[in-house]
Amino acid sequence: MLQQQLGAMHINRIIEYTSSEYVRTSFFPQTTAEDWVQHEPWMKPHAMDAESGNLTLVMQAYLARG
């Protein structure tokens, strides 16, 4: 769980599921591997797996307490 504080408010990020099994050209079939090259620097390692190049998808919730 990741936490941020904004004044008196506490915001917690609750990660429920993370997976890097999504092949980018299967998930977005209209794209090619070349289409993704320009996006790799900002997507790796959080949104794209550095080794496989697969997309990393996260299901998450936020809890705000104040």
N, C-alpha and C. Protein backbone atom coordinates (compact mmCIF):
# COMPACT_ATOMS: atom_id res chain seq x y z
N MET A 1 0.85 -1.17 0.00
CA MET A 1 0.00 0.00 0.00
C MET A 1 0.90 1.24 0.00
N LEU A 2 0.62 2.16 -0.88
CA LEU A 2 1.36 3.41 -0.97
C LEU A 2 0.51 4.52 -0.37
N GLN A 3 1.15 5.44 0.32
CA GLN A 3 0.39 6.49 1.01
C GLN A 3 0.95 7.87 0.68
N GLN A 4 0.04 8.81 0.52
CA GLN A 4 0.37 10.22 0.33
C GLN A 4 -0.42 11.01 1.35
N GLN A 5 0.14 12.15 1.74
CA GLN A 5 -0.59 13.02 2.64
C GLN A 5 -0.70 14.40 2.01
N LEU A 6 -1.92 14.92 2.00
CA LEU A 6 -2.21 16.26 1.50
C LEU A 6 -2.88 17.02 2.64
N GLY A 7 -2.13 17.84 3.32
CA GLY A 7 -2.67 18.52 4.50
C GLY A 7 -3.08 17.49 5.53
N ALA A 8 -4.34 17.53 5.96
CA ALA A 8 -4.84 16.57 6.94
C ALA A 8 -5.37 15.30 6.29
N MET A 9 -5.40 15.26 4.95
CA MET A 9 -5.96 14.09 4.25
C MET A 9 -4.88 13.07 3.95
N HIS A 10 -5.19 11.82 4.18
CA HIS A 10 -4.31 10.70 3.86
C HIS A 10 -4.95 9.93 2.71
N ILE A 11 -4.17 9.65 1.68
CA ILE A 11 -4.66 8.91 0.51
C ILE A 11 -3.80 7.66 0.38
N ASN A 12 -4.46 6.51 0.43
CA ASN A 12 -3.77 5.24 0.31
C ASN A 12 -4.12 4.59 -1.02
N ARG A 13 -3.11 4.13 -1.73
CA ARG A 13 -3.30 3.37 -2.97
C ARG A 13 -3.25 1.90 -2.60
N ILE A 14 -4.31 1.19 -2.94
CA ILE A 14 -4.41 -0.23 -2.62
C ILE A 14 -4.35 -1.00 -3.93
N ILE A 15 -3.25 -1.71 -4.15
CA ILE A 15 -3.07 -2.50 -5.37
C ILE A 15 -3.71 -3.86 -5.15
N GLU A 16 -4.70 -4.18 -5.99
CA GLU A 16 -5.42 -5.43 -5.85
C GLU A 16 -4.88 -6.52 -6.77
N TYR A 17 -4.34 -6.12 -7.93
CA TYR A 17 -3.88 -7.09 -8.92
C TYR A 17 -2.90 -6.41 -9.85
N THR A 18 -1.80 -7.09 -10.14
CA THR A 18 -0.82 -6.60 -11.11
C THR A 18 -0.44 -7.76 -12.03
N SER A 19 -0.40 -7.50 -13.33
CA SER A 19 -0.03 -8.55 -14.27
C SER A 19 0.71 -7.95 -15.46
N SER A 20 1.75 -8.65 -15.91
CA SER A 20 2.50 -8.24 -17.10
C SER A 20 2.37 -9.29 -18.19
N GLU A 21 1.20 -9.89 -18.29
CA GLU A 21 1.01 -10.95 -19.27
C GLU A 21 0.34 -10.47 -20.56
N TYR A 22 0.13 -9.18 -20.67
CA TYR A 22 -0.61 -8.64 -21.82
C TYR A 22 0.35 -8.25 -22.95
N VAL A 23 0.35 -9.03 -24.01
CA VAL A 23 1.19 -8.73 -25.18
C VAL A 23 0.60 -7.49 -25.85
N ARG A 24 1.43 -6.46 -25.99
CA ARG A 24 0.92 -5.16 -26.44
C ARG A 24 0.26 -5.19 -27.80
N THR A 25 0.79 -5.97 -28.74
CA THR A 25 0.18 -6.02 -30.07
C THR A 25 -1.06 -6.91 -30.10
N SER A 26 -1.28 -7.72 -29.09
CA SER A 26 -2.53 -8.49 -28.98
C SER A 26 -3.58 -7.65 -28.27
N PHE A 27 -3.14 -6.90 -27.26
CA PHE A 27 -4.06 -6.05 -26.50
C PHE A 27 -4.56 -4.90 -27.37
N PHE A 28 -3.67 -4.37 -28.21
CA PHE A 28 -4.01 -3.32 -29.18
C PHE A 28 -3.66 -3.85 -30.57
N PRO A 29 -4.54 -4.66 -31.18
CA PRO A 29 -4.19 -5.36 -32.42
C PRO A 29 -3.92 -4.45 -33.62
N GLN A 30 -4.35 -3.22 -33.58
CA GLN A 30 -4.12 -2.31 -34.70
C GLN A 30 -2.70 -1.73 -34.69
N THR A 31 -1.91 -2.06 -33.66
CA THR A 31 -0.55 -1.52 -33.56
C THR A 31 0.49 -2.57 -33.96
N THR A 32 1.69 -2.07 -34.22
CA THR A 32 2.83 -2.94 -34.50
C THR A 32 3.89 -2.70 -33.43
N ALA A 33 4.87 -3.58 -33.39
CA ALA A 33 5.97 -3.42 -32.42
C ALA A 33 6.69 -2.09 -32.64
N GLU A 34 6.79 -1.64 -33.88
CA GLU A 34 7.45 -0.37 -34.19
C GLU A 34 6.68 0.82 -33.62
N ASP A 35 5.36 0.71 -33.55
CA ASP A 35 4.55 1.79 -32.98
C ASP A 35 4.88 2.03 -31.50
N TRP A 36 5.35 1.01 -30.82
CA TRP A 36 5.58 1.10 -29.38
C TRP A 36 6.98 1.61 -29.03
N VAL A 37 7.90 1.59 -29.96
CA VAL A 37 9.29 1.95 -29.68
C VAL A 37 9.41 3.34 -29.06
N GLN A 38 8.69 4.32 -29.56
CA GLN A 38 8.80 5.68 -29.04
C GLN A 38 8.25 5.82 -27.62
N HIS A 39 7.42 4.88 -27.20
CA HIS A 39 6.80 4.95 -25.88
C HIS A 39 7.54 4.15 -24.81
N GLU A 40 8.44 3.26 -25.23
CA GLU A 40 9.13 2.40 -24.28
C GLU A 40 9.88 3.17 -23.18
N PRO A 41 10.60 4.26 -23.47
CA PRO A 41 11.36 4.94 -22.41
C PRO A 41 10.50 5.42 -21.24
N TRP A 42 9.31 5.92 -21.50
CA TRP A 42 8.50 6.42 -20.39
C TRP A 42 7.59 5.34 -19.80
N MET A 43 7.37 4.25 -20.53
CA MET A 43 6.49 3.19 -20.02
C MET A 43 7.22 2.16 -19.15
N LYS A 44 8.51 1.95 -19.43
CA LYS A 44 9.28 0.98 -18.65
C LYS A 44 9.79 1.63 -17.37
N PRO A 45 9.78 1.01 -16.25
CA PRO A 45 9.34 -0.34 -15.94
C PRO A 45 7.94 -0.41 -15.35
N HIS A 46 7.23 0.73 -15.21
CA HIS A 46 5.96 0.72 -14.49
C HIS A 46 4.78 0.26 -15.33
N ALA A 47 4.72 0.63 -16.59
CA ALA A 47 3.57 0.28 -17.43
C ALA A 47 3.91 -0.77 -18.48
N MET A 48 5.20 -1.09 -18.60
CA MET A 48 5.64 -2.10 -19.57
C MET A 48 6.77 -2.90 -18.94
N ASP A 49 6.68 -4.21 -19.02
CA ASP A 49 7.72 -5.07 -18.48
C ASP A 49 9.02 -4.86 -19.25
N ALA A 50 10.11 -4.60 -18.53
CA ALA A 50 11.38 -4.28 -19.16
C ALA A 50 11.96 -5.46 -19.96
N GLU A 51 11.71 -6.68 -19.52
CA GLU A 51 12.27 -7.84 -20.22
C GLU A 51 11.42 -8.32 -21.38
N SER A 52 10.12 -8.47 -21.16
CA SER A 52 9.25 -9.05 -22.19
C SER A 52 8.65 -8.01 -23.12
N GLY A 53 8.53 -6.76 -22.66
CA GLY A 53 7.86 -5.73 -23.45
C GLY A 53 6.35 -5.79 -23.33
N ASN A 54 5.84 -6.71 -22.50
CA ASN A 54 4.40 -6.82 -22.30
C ASN A 54 3.90 -5.64 -21.48
N LEU A 55 2.62 -5.32 -21.64
CA LEU A 55 2.01 -4.25 -20.87
C LEU A 55 1.76 -4.73 -19.44
N THR A 56 1.98 -3.84 -18.50
CA THR A 56 1.70 -4.12 -17.10
C THR A 56 0.41 -3.40 -16.73
N LEU A 57 -0.59 -4.17 -16.36
CA LEU A 57 -1.87 -3.60 -15.97
C LEU A 57 -2.07 -3.78 -14.48
N VAL A 58 -2.58 -2.74 -13.84
CA VAL A 58 -2.78 -2.74 -12.40
C VAL A 58 -4.24 -2.42 -12.10
N MET A 59 -4.86 -3.25 -11.29
CA MET A 59 -6.19 -2.94 -10.76
C MET A 59 -5.97 -2.40 -9.35
N GLN A 60 -6.49 -1.21 -9.10
CA GLN A 60 -6.20 -0.55 -7.84
C GLN A 60 -7.39 0.25 -7.35
N ALA A 61 -7.35 0.57 -6.10
CA ALA A 61 -8.37 1.41 -5.48
C ALA A 61 -7.64 2.45 -4.65
N TYR A 62 -8.34 3.53 -4.32
CA TYR A 62 -7.78 4.57 -3.47
C TYR A 62 -8.68 4.76 -2.27
N LEU A 63 -8.08 4.88 -1.10
CA LEU A 63 -8.79 5.14 0.13
C LEU A 63 -8.39 6.51 0.61
N ALA A 64 -9.34 7.43 0.71
CA ALA A 64 -9.07 8.79 1.17
C ALA A 64 -9.66 8.96 2.56
N ARG A 65 -8.81 9.40 3.49
CA ARG A 65 -9.25 9.64 4.87
C ARG A 65 -8.85 11.05 5.25
N GLY A 66 -9.74 11.74 5.92
CA GLY A 66 -9.40 13.10 6.27
C GLY A 66 -9.83 13.52 7.57
